PDB file of N, CA and C in Angstrom:
ATOM      1  N   MET A   1     -27.943 -37.654  27.372  1.00  0.00           N
ATOM      2  CA  MET A   1     -27.827 -38.572  28.485  1.00  0.00           C
ATOM      3  C   MET A   1     -26.397 -39.085  28.505  1.00  0.00           C
ATOM      4  N   THR A   2     -25.788 -39.133  29.672  1.00  0.00           N
ATOM      5  CA  THR A   2     -24.424 -39.634  29.785  1.00  0.00           C
ATOM      6  C   THR A   2     -24.429 -41.150  29.770  1.00  0.00           C
ATOM      7  N   ASP A   3     -23.259 -41.726  29.482  1.00  0.00           N
ATOM      8  CA  ASP A   3     -23.147 -43.179  29.491  1.00  0.00           C
ATOM      9  C   ASP A   3     -23.516 -43.747  30.855  1.00  0.00           C
ATOM     10  N   SER A   4     -23.152 -43.021  31.923  1.00  0.00           N
ATOM     11  CA  SER A   4     -23.481 -43.456  33.278  1.00  0.00           C
ATOM     12  C   SER A   4     -24.992 -43.508  33.486  1.00  0.00           C
ATOM     13  N   SER A   5     -25.695 -42.483  33.008  1.00  0.00           N
ATOM     14  CA  SER A   5     -27.155 -42.462  33.129  1.00  0.00           C
ATOM     15  C   SER A   5     -27.779 -43.576  32.304  1.00  0.00           C
ATOM     16  N   LEU A   6     -27.241 -43.805  31.106  1.00  0.00           N
ATOM     17  CA  LEU A   6     -27.739 -44.891  30.266  1.00  0.00           C
ATOM     18  C   LEU A   6     -27.531 -46.226  30.960  1.00  0.00           C
ATOM     19  N   THR A   7     -26.363 -46.432  31.523  1.00  0.00           N
ATOM     20  CA  THR A   7     -26.065 -47.683  32.223  1.00  0.00           C
ATOM     21  C   THR A   7     -27.048 -47.909  33.362  1.00  0.00           C
ATOM     22  N   LYS A   8     -27.332 -46.858  34.119  1.00  0.00           N
ATOM     23  CA  LYS A   8     -28.284 -46.974  35.233  1.00  0.00           C
ATOM     24  C   LYS A   8     -29.689 -47.275  34.721  1.00  0.00           C
ATOM     25  N   PHE A   9     -30.094 -46.627  33.634  1.00  0.00           N
ATOM     26  CA  PHE A   9     -31.429 -46.862  33.091  1.00  0.00           C
ATOM     27  C   PHE A   9     -31.548 -48.283  32.550  1.00  0.00           C
ATOM     28  N   LEU A  10     -30.531 -48.753  31.834  1.00  0.00           N
ATOM     29  CA  LEU A  10     -30.558 -50.125  31.317  1.00  0.00           C
ATOM     30  C   LEU A  10     -30.577 -51.137  32.459  1.00  0.00           C
ATOM     31  N   ALA A  11     -29.833 -50.856  33.526  1.00  0.00           N
ATOM     32  CA  ALA A  11     -29.850 -51.745  34.692  1.00  0.00           C
ATOM     33  C   ALA A  11     -31.247 -51.784  35.299  1.00  0.00           C
ATOM     34  N   TYR A  12     -31.898 -50.621  35.392  1.00  0.00           N
ATOM     35  CA  TYR A  12     -33.276 -50.569  35.890  1.00  0.00           C
ATOM     36  C   TYR A  12     -34.184 -51.426  35.015  1.00  0.00           C
ATOM     37  N   LEU A  13     -34.096 -51.246  33.695  1.00  0.00           N
ATOM     38  CA  LEU A  13     -34.940 -52.036  32.787  1.00  0.00           C
ATOM     39  C   LEU A  13     -34.708 -53.528  32.988  1.00  0.00           C
ATOM     40  N   ASP A  14     -33.451 -53.922  33.027  1.00  0.00           N
ATOM     41  CA  ASP A  14     -33.127 -55.344  33.113  1.00  0.00           C
ATOM     42  C   ASP A  14     -33.484 -55.945  34.472  1.00  0.00           C
ATOM     43  N   GLN A  15     -33.248 -55.214  35.550  1.00  0.00           N
ATOM     44  CA  GLN A  15     -33.455 -55.755  36.891  1.00  0.00           C
ATOM     45  C   GLN A  15     -34.893 -55.654  37.384  1.00  0.00           C
ATOM     46  N   HIS A  16     -35.612 -54.631  36.960  1.00  0.00           N
ATOM     47  CA  HIS A  16     -36.944 -54.393  37.517  1.00  0.00           C
ATOM     48  C   HIS A  16     -38.086 -54.565  36.529  1.00  0.00           C
ATOM     49  N   CYS A  17     -37.773 -54.605  35.244  1.00  0.00           N
ATOM     50  CA  CYS A  17     -38.837 -54.647  34.233  1.00  0.00           C
ATOM     51  C   CYS A  17     -38.660 -55.797  33.252  1.00  0.00           C
ATOM     52  N   GLY A  18     -37.733 -56.690  33.514  1.00  0.00           N
ATOM     53  CA  GLY A  18     -37.489 -57.766  32.569  1.00  0.00           C
ATOM     54  C   GLY A  18     -36.987 -57.252  31.231  1.00  0.00           C
ATOM     55  N   GLY A  19     -36.382 -56.071  31.217  1.00  0.00           N
ATOM     56  CA  GLY A  19     -35.842 -55.491  29.998  1.00  0.00           C
ATOM     57  C   GLY A  19     -36.825 -54.654  29.205  1.00  0.00           C
ATOM     58  N   VAL A  20     -38.082 -54.588  29.656  1.00  0.00           N
ATOM     59  CA  VAL A  20     -39.113 -53.859  28.910  1.00  0.00           C
ATOM     60  C   VAL A  20     -39.924 -52.988  29.864  1.00  0.00           C
ATOM     61  N   ASP A  21     -39.930 -51.685  29.602  1.00  0.00           N
ATOM     62  CA  ASP A  21     -40.794 -50.778  30.356  1.00  0.00           C
ATOM     63  C   ASP A  21     -41.974 -50.437  29.459  1.00  0.00           C
ATOM     64  N   ARG A  22     -43.182 -50.704  29.931  1.00  0.00           N
ATOM     65  CA  ARG A  22     -44.405 -50.477  29.151  1.00  0.00           C
ATOM     66  C   ARG A  22     -45.267 -49.471  29.901  1.00  0.00           C
ATOM     67  N   THR A  23     -45.597 -48.366  29.235  1.00  0.00           N
ATOM     68  CA  THR A  23     -46.424 -47.330  29.839  1.00  0.00           C
ATOM     69  C   THR A  23     -47.645 -47.108  28.962  1.00  0.00           C
ATOM     70  N   GLU A  24     -48.815 -47.171  29.582  1.00  0.00           N
ATOM     71  CA  GLU A  24     -50.075 -46.955  28.864  1.00  0.00           C
ATOM     72  C   GLU A  24     -50.630 -45.590  29.250  1.00  0.00           C
ATOM     73  N   PHE A  25     -50.988 -44.785  28.261  1.00  0.00           N
ATOM     74  CA  PHE A  25     -51.498 -43.439  28.492  1.00  0.00           C
ATOM     75  C   PHE A  25     -52.998 -43.407  28.252  1.00  0.00           C
ATOM     76  N   THR A  26     -53.731 -42.872  29.245  1.00  0.00           N
ATOM     77  CA  THR A  26     -55.179 -42.731  29.125  1.00  0.00           C
ATOM     78  C   THR A  26     -55.582 -41.337  29.590  1.00  0.00           C
ATOM     79  N   THR A  27     -56.752 -40.911  29.142  1.00  0.00           N
ATOM     80  CA  THR A  27     -57.307 -39.631  29.579  1.00  0.00           C
ATOM     81  C   THR A  27     -57.905 -39.808  30.969  1.00  0.00           C
ATOM     82  N   ALA A  28     -58.336 -38.718  31.570  1.00  0.00           N
ATOM     83  CA  ALA A  28     -58.984 -38.780  32.882  1.00  0.00           C
ATOM     84  C   ALA A  28     -60.243 -39.638  32.831  1.00  0.00           C
ATOM     85  N   ASP A  29     -60.850 -39.736  31.646  1.00  0.00           N
ATOM     86  CA  ASP A  29     -62.054 -40.550  31.473  1.00  0.00           C
ATOM     87  C   ASP A  29     -61.741 -42.012  31.175  1.00  0.00           C
ATOM     88  N   GLY A  30     -60.454 -42.353  31.111  1.00  0.00           N
ATOM     89  CA  GLY A  30     -60.066 -43.735  30.862  1.00  0.00           C
ATOM     90  C   GLY A  30     -59.962 -44.121  29.393  1.00  0.00           C
ATOM     91  N   HIS A  31     -60.016 -43.140  28.505  1.00  0.00           N
ATOM     92  CA  HIS A  31     -59.899 -43.412  27.069  1.00  0.00           C
ATOM     93  C   HIS A  31     -58.427 -43.377  26.654  1.00  0.00           C
ATOM     94  N   PRO A  32     -58.052 -44.116  25.612  1.00  0.00           N
ATOM     95  CA  PRO A  32     -56.672 -44.073  25.124  1.00  0.00           C
ATOM     96  C   PRO A  32     -56.261 -42.640  24.783  1.00  0.00           C
ATOM     97  N   ASP A  33     -55.021 -42.298  25.105  1.00  0.00           N
ATOM     98  CA  ASP A  33     -54.504 -40.956  24.834  1.00  0.00           C
ATOM     99  C   ASP A  33     -53.240 -41.062  23.973  1.00  0.00           C
ATOM    100  N   PRO A  34     -53.417 -41.257  22.661  1.00  0.00           N
ATOM    101  CA  PRO A  34     -52.253 -41.409  21.792  1.00  0.00           C
ATOM    102  C   PRO A  34     -51.384 -40.154  21.712  1.00  0.00           C
ATOM    103  N   GLY A  35     -51.961 -38.979  21.910  1.00  0.00           N
ATOM    104  CA  GLY A  35     -51.169 -37.744  21.889  1.00  0.00           C
ATOM    105  C   GLY A  35     -50.155 -37.709  23.018  1.00  0.00           C
ATOM    106  N   ALA A  36     -50.583 -38.082  24.214  1.00  0.00           N
ATOM    107  CA  ALA A  36     -49.670 -38.122  25.360  1.00  0.00           C
ATOM    108  C   ALA A  36     -48.612 -39.200  25.156  1.00  0.00           C
ATOM    109  N   ALA A  37     -49.019 -40.333  24.604  1.00  0.00           N
ATOM    110  CA  ALA A  37     -48.063 -41.411  24.334  1.00  0.00           C
ATOM    111  C   ALA A  37     -47.023 -40.955  23.317  1.00  0.00           C
ATOM    112  N   ARG A  38     -47.467 -40.287  22.263  1.00  0.00           N
ATOM    113  CA  ARG A  38     -46.548 -39.804  21.229  1.00  0.00           C
ATOM    114  C   ARG A  38     -45.549 -38.812  21.818  1.00  0.00           C
ATOM    115  N   ALA A  39     -46.038 -37.889  22.644  1.00  0.00           N
ATOM    116  CA  ALA A  39     -45.157 -36.893  23.256  1.00  0.00           C
ATOM    117  C   ALA A  39     -44.109 -37.570  24.139  1.00  0.00           C
ATOM    118  N   PHE A  40     -44.522 -38.561  24.914  1.00  0.00           N
ATOM    119  CA  PHE A  40     -43.587 -39.281  25.783  1.00  0.00           C
ATOM    120  C   PHE A  40     -42.569 -40.053  24.951  1.00  0.00           C
ATOM    121  N   ALA A  41     -43.030 -40.745  23.910  1.00  0.00           N
ATOM    122  CA  ALA A  41     -42.122 -41.511  23.051  1.00  0.00           C
ATOM    123  C   ALA A  41     -41.099 -40.586  22.393  1.00  0.00           C
ATOM    124  N   GLU A  42     -41.548 -39.437  21.919  1.00  0.00           N
ATOM    125  CA  GLU A  42     -40.630 -38.479  21.293  1.00  0.00           C
ATOM    126  C   GLU A  42     -39.614 -37.955  22.299  1.00  0.00           C
ATOM    127  N   GLN A  43     -40.064 -37.713  23.522  1.00  0.00           N
ATOM    128  CA  GLN A  43     -39.157 -37.255  24.576  1.00  0.00           C
ATOM    129  C   GLN A  43     -38.101 -38.321  24.866  1.00  0.00           C
ATOM    130  N   MET A  44     -38.524 -39.577  24.955  1.00  0.00           N
ATOM    131  CA  MET A  44     -37.585 -40.669  25.219  1.00  0.00           C
ATOM    132  C   MET A  44     -36.612 -40.845  24.052  1.00  0.00           C
ATOM    133  N   ARG A  45     -37.113 -40.735  22.830  1.00  0.00           N
ATOM    134  CA  ARG A  45     -36.236 -40.866  21.653  1.00  0.00           C
ATOM    135  C   ARG A  45     -35.192 -39.752  21.622  1.00  0.00           C
ATOM    136  N   GLU A  46     -35.607 -38.554  21.991  1.00  0.00           N
ATOM    137  CA  GLU A  46     -34.658 -37.439  22.037  1.00  0.00           C
ATOM    138  C   GLU A  46     -33.612 -37.672  23.120  1.00  0.00           C
ATOM    139  N   GLN A  47     -34.059 -38.122  24.279  1.00  0.00           N
ATOM    140  CA  GLN A  47     -33.154 -38.345  25.405  1.00  0.00           C
ATOM    141  C   GLN A  47     -32.137 -39.441  25.097  1.00  0.00           C
ATOM    142  N   PHE A  48     -32.552 -40.486  24.377  1.00  0.00           N
ATOM    143  CA  PHE A  48     -31.687 -41.631  24.101  1.00  0.00           C
ATOM    144  C   PHE A  48     -31.187 -41.661  22.659  1.00  0.00           C
ATOM    145  N   ALA A  49     -31.242 -40.547  21.950  1.00  0.00           N
ATOM    146  CA  ALA A  49     -30.953 -40.507  20.509  1.00  0.00           C
ATOM    147  C   ALA A  49     -29.657 -41.215  20.126  1.00  0.00           C
ATOM    148  N   ASP A  50     -28.611 -41.047  20.902  1.00  0.00           N
ATOM    149  CA  ASP A  50     -27.317 -41.644  20.555  1.00  0.00           C
ATOM    150  C   ASP A  50     -27.282 -43.156  20.728  1.00  0.00           C
ATOM    151  N   TYR A  51     -28.285 -43.727  21.389  1.00  0.00           N
ATOM    152  CA  TYR A  51     -28.251 -45.147  21.732  1.00  0.00           C
ATOM    153  C   TYR A  51     -29.374 -45.960  21.102  1.00  0.00           C
ATOM    154  N   LEU A  52     -30.268 -45.286  20.370  1.00  0.00           N
ATOM    155  CA  LEU A  52     -31.401 -45.984  19.757  1.00  0.00           C
ATOM    156  C   LEU A  52     -30.902 -47.006  18.744  1.00  0.00           C
ATOM    157  N   GLY A  53     -31.470 -48.187  18.805  1.00  0.00           N
ATOM    158  CA  GLY A  53     -31.107 -49.245  17.879  1.00  0.00           C
ATOM    159  C   GLY A  53     -29.861 -50.006  18.271  1.00  0.00           C
ATOM    160  N   GLU A  54     -29.097 -49.484  19.210  1.00  0.00           N
ATOM    161  CA  GLU A  54     -27.887 -50.157  19.674  1.00  0.00           C
ATOM    162  C   GLU A  54     -28.069 -50.710  21.076  1.00  0.00           C
ATOM    163  N   ALA A  55     -28.511 -49.862  21.996  1.00  0.00           N
ATOM    164  CA  ALA A  55     -28.684 -50.272  23.390  1.00  0.00           C
ATOM    165  C   ALA A  55     -30.149 -50.459  23.753  1.00  0.00           C
ATOM    166  N   LEU A  56     -31.026 -49.724  23.060  1.00  0.00           N
ATOM    167  CA  LEU A  56     -32.448 -49.819  23.372  1.00  0.00           C
ATOM    168  C   LEU A  56     -33.286 -49.318  22.210  1.00  0.00           C
ATOM    169  N   ILE A  57     -34.567 -49.612  22.294  1.00  0.00           N
ATOM    170  CA  ILE A  57     -35.523 -49.079  21.323  1.00  0.00           C
ATOM    171  C   ILE A  57     -36.684 -48.452  22.084  1.00  0.00           C
ATOM    172  N   VAL A  58     -37.303 -47.476  21.446  1.00  0.00           N
ATOM    173  CA  VAL A  58     -38.505 -46.839  21.980  1.00  0.00           C
ATOM    174  C   VAL A  58     -39.561 -46.991  20.902  1.00  0.00           C
ATOM    175  N   GLU A  59     -40.683 -47.608  21.255  1.00  0.00           N
ATOM    176  CA  GLU A  59     -41.748 -47.783  20.268  1.00  0.00           C
ATOM    177  C   GLU A  59     -43.083 -47.370  20.856  1.00  0.00           C
ATOM    178  N   GLN A  60     -43.939 -46.860  19.978  1.00  0.00           N
ATOM    179  CA  GLN A  60     -45.275 -46.429  20.386  1.00  0.00           C
ATOM    180  C   GLN A  60     -46.299 -47.089  19.486  1.00  0.00           C
ATOM    181  N   ARG A  61     -47.338 -47.603  20.097  1.00  0.00           N
ATOM    182  CA  ARG A  61     -48.505 -48.118  19.379  1.00  0.00           C
ATOM    183  C   ARG A  61     -49.730 -47.535  20.060  1.00  0.00           C
ATOM    184  N   VAL A  62     -50.413 -46.693  19.351  1.00  0.00           N
ATOM    185  CA  VAL A  62     -51.605 -45.983  19.834  1.00  0.00           C
ATOM    186  C   VAL A  62     -51.269 -45.289  21.148  1.00  0.00           C
ATOM    187  N   ASN A  63     -51.719 -45.816  22.293  1.00  0.00           N
ATOM    188  CA  ASN A  63     -51.506 -45.141  23.573  1.00  0.00           C
ATOM    189  C   ASN A  63     -50.508 -45.872  24.471  1.00  0.00           C
ATOM    190  N   ILE A  64     -49.720 -46.765  23.904  1.00  0.00           N
ATOM    191  CA  ILE A  64     -48.752 -47.539  24.682  1.00  0.00           C
ATOM    192  C   ILE A  64     -47.345 -47.248  24.173  1.00  0.00           C
ATOM    193  N   VAL A  65     -46.436 -46.982  25.118  1.00  0.00           N
ATOM    194  CA  VAL A  65     -45.028 -46.771  24.788  1.00  0.00           C
ATOM    195  C   VAL A  65     -44.221 -47.847  25.494  1.00  0.00           C
ATOM    196  N   ARG A  66     -43.328 -48.469  24.724  1.00  0.00           N
ATOM    197  CA  ARG A  66     -42.409 -49.449  25.300  1.00  0.00           C
ATOM    198  C   ARG A  66     -40.979 -48.983  25.072  1.00  0.00           C
ATOM    199  N   VAL A  67     -40.169 -49.105  26.120  1.00  0.00           N
ATOM    200  CA  VAL A  67     -38.733 -48.895  26.018  1.00  0.00           C
ATOM    201  C   VAL A  67     -38.121 -50.259  26.297  1.00  0.00           C
ATOM    202  N   VAL A  68     -37.338 -50.763  25.336  1.00  0.00           N
ATOM    203  CA  VAL A  68     -36.825 -52.124  25.407  1.00  0.00           C
ATOM    204  C   VAL A  68     -35.305 -52.101  25.402  1.00  0.00           C
ATOM    205  N   SER A  69     -34.714 -52.753  26.393  1.00  0.00           N
ATOM    206  CA  SER A  69     -33.273 -52.941  26.426  1.00  0.00           C
ATOM    207  C   SER A  69     -32.914 -54.010  25.410  1.00  0.00           C
ATOM    208  N   LEU A  70     -31.989 -53.725  24.518  1.00  0.00           N
ATOM    209  CA  LEU A  70     -31.611 -54.695  23.501  1.00  0.00           C
ATOM    210  C   LEU A  70     -30.675 -55.765  24.049  1.00  0.00           C
ATOM    211  N   GLY A  71     -30.348 -55.664  25.328  1.00  0.00           N
ATOM    212  CA  GLY A  71     -29.578 -56.716  25.980  1.00  0.00           C
ATOM    213  C   GLY A  71     -30.431 -57.927  26.292  1.00  0.00           C
ATOM    214  N   GLN A  72     -31.744 -57.798  26.166  1.00  0.00           N
ATOM    215  CA  GLN A  72     -32.684 -58.888  26.426  1.00  0.00           C
ATOM    216  C   GLN A  72     -33.020 -59.581  25.121  1.00  0.00           C
ATOM    217  N   SER A  73     -33.295 -60.860  25.199  1.00  0.00           N
ATOM    218  CA  SER A  73     -33.725 -61.567  23.993  1.00  0.00           C
ATOM    219  C   SER A  73     -35.237 -61.591  23.940  1.00  0.00           C
ATOM    220  N   ALA A  74     -35.774 -61.506  22.755  1.00  0.00           N
ATOM    221  CA  ALA A  74     -37.207 -61.630  22.478  1.00  0.00           C
ATOM    222  C   ALA A  74     -38.074 -60.813  23.415  1.00  0.00           C
ATOM    223  N   PRO A  75     -38.188 -59.496  23.185  1.00  0.00           N
ATOM    224  CA  PRO A  75     -39.076 -58.683  24.015  1.00  0.00           C
ATOM    225  C   PRO A  75     -40.522 -59.158  23.942  1.00  0.00           C
ATOM    226  N   VAL A  76     -41.236 -58.950  25.028  1.00  0.00           N
ATOM    227  CA  VAL A  76     -42.641 -59.341  25.108  1.00  0.00           C
ATOM    228  C   VAL A  76     -43.462 -58.444  24.192  1.00  0.00           C
ATOM    229  N   PRO A  77     -44.347 -59.010  23.353  1.00  0.00           N
ATOM    230  CA  PRO A  77     -45.162 -58.178  22.461  1.00  0.00           C
ATOM    231  C   PRO A  77     -46.154 -57.314  23.223  1.00  0.00           C
ATOM    232  N   VAL A  78     -46.562 -56.203  22.597  1.00  0.00           N
ATOM    233  CA  VAL A  78     -47.544 -55.286  23.206  1.00  0.00           C
ATOM    234  C   VAL A  78     -48.888 -55.957  23.270  1.00  0.00           C
TER     235      VAL A  78
END
């Protein structure tokens, strides 16, 4: 990801999501889908590898993935 793309993504997080993007993964039957969440989290970590821990974090808990801009103070808990 280029710095320009990162800047745009961080601006999106800060302006539209309060600094936190939370995505919940479920199956067609409405059950938690931790496999899909894990795949998405891994994809996001790969995409943002150079910026993890500095500009943002990607975390997964069961079927929920959060991407948090570190420019925000005190992210909302899952």
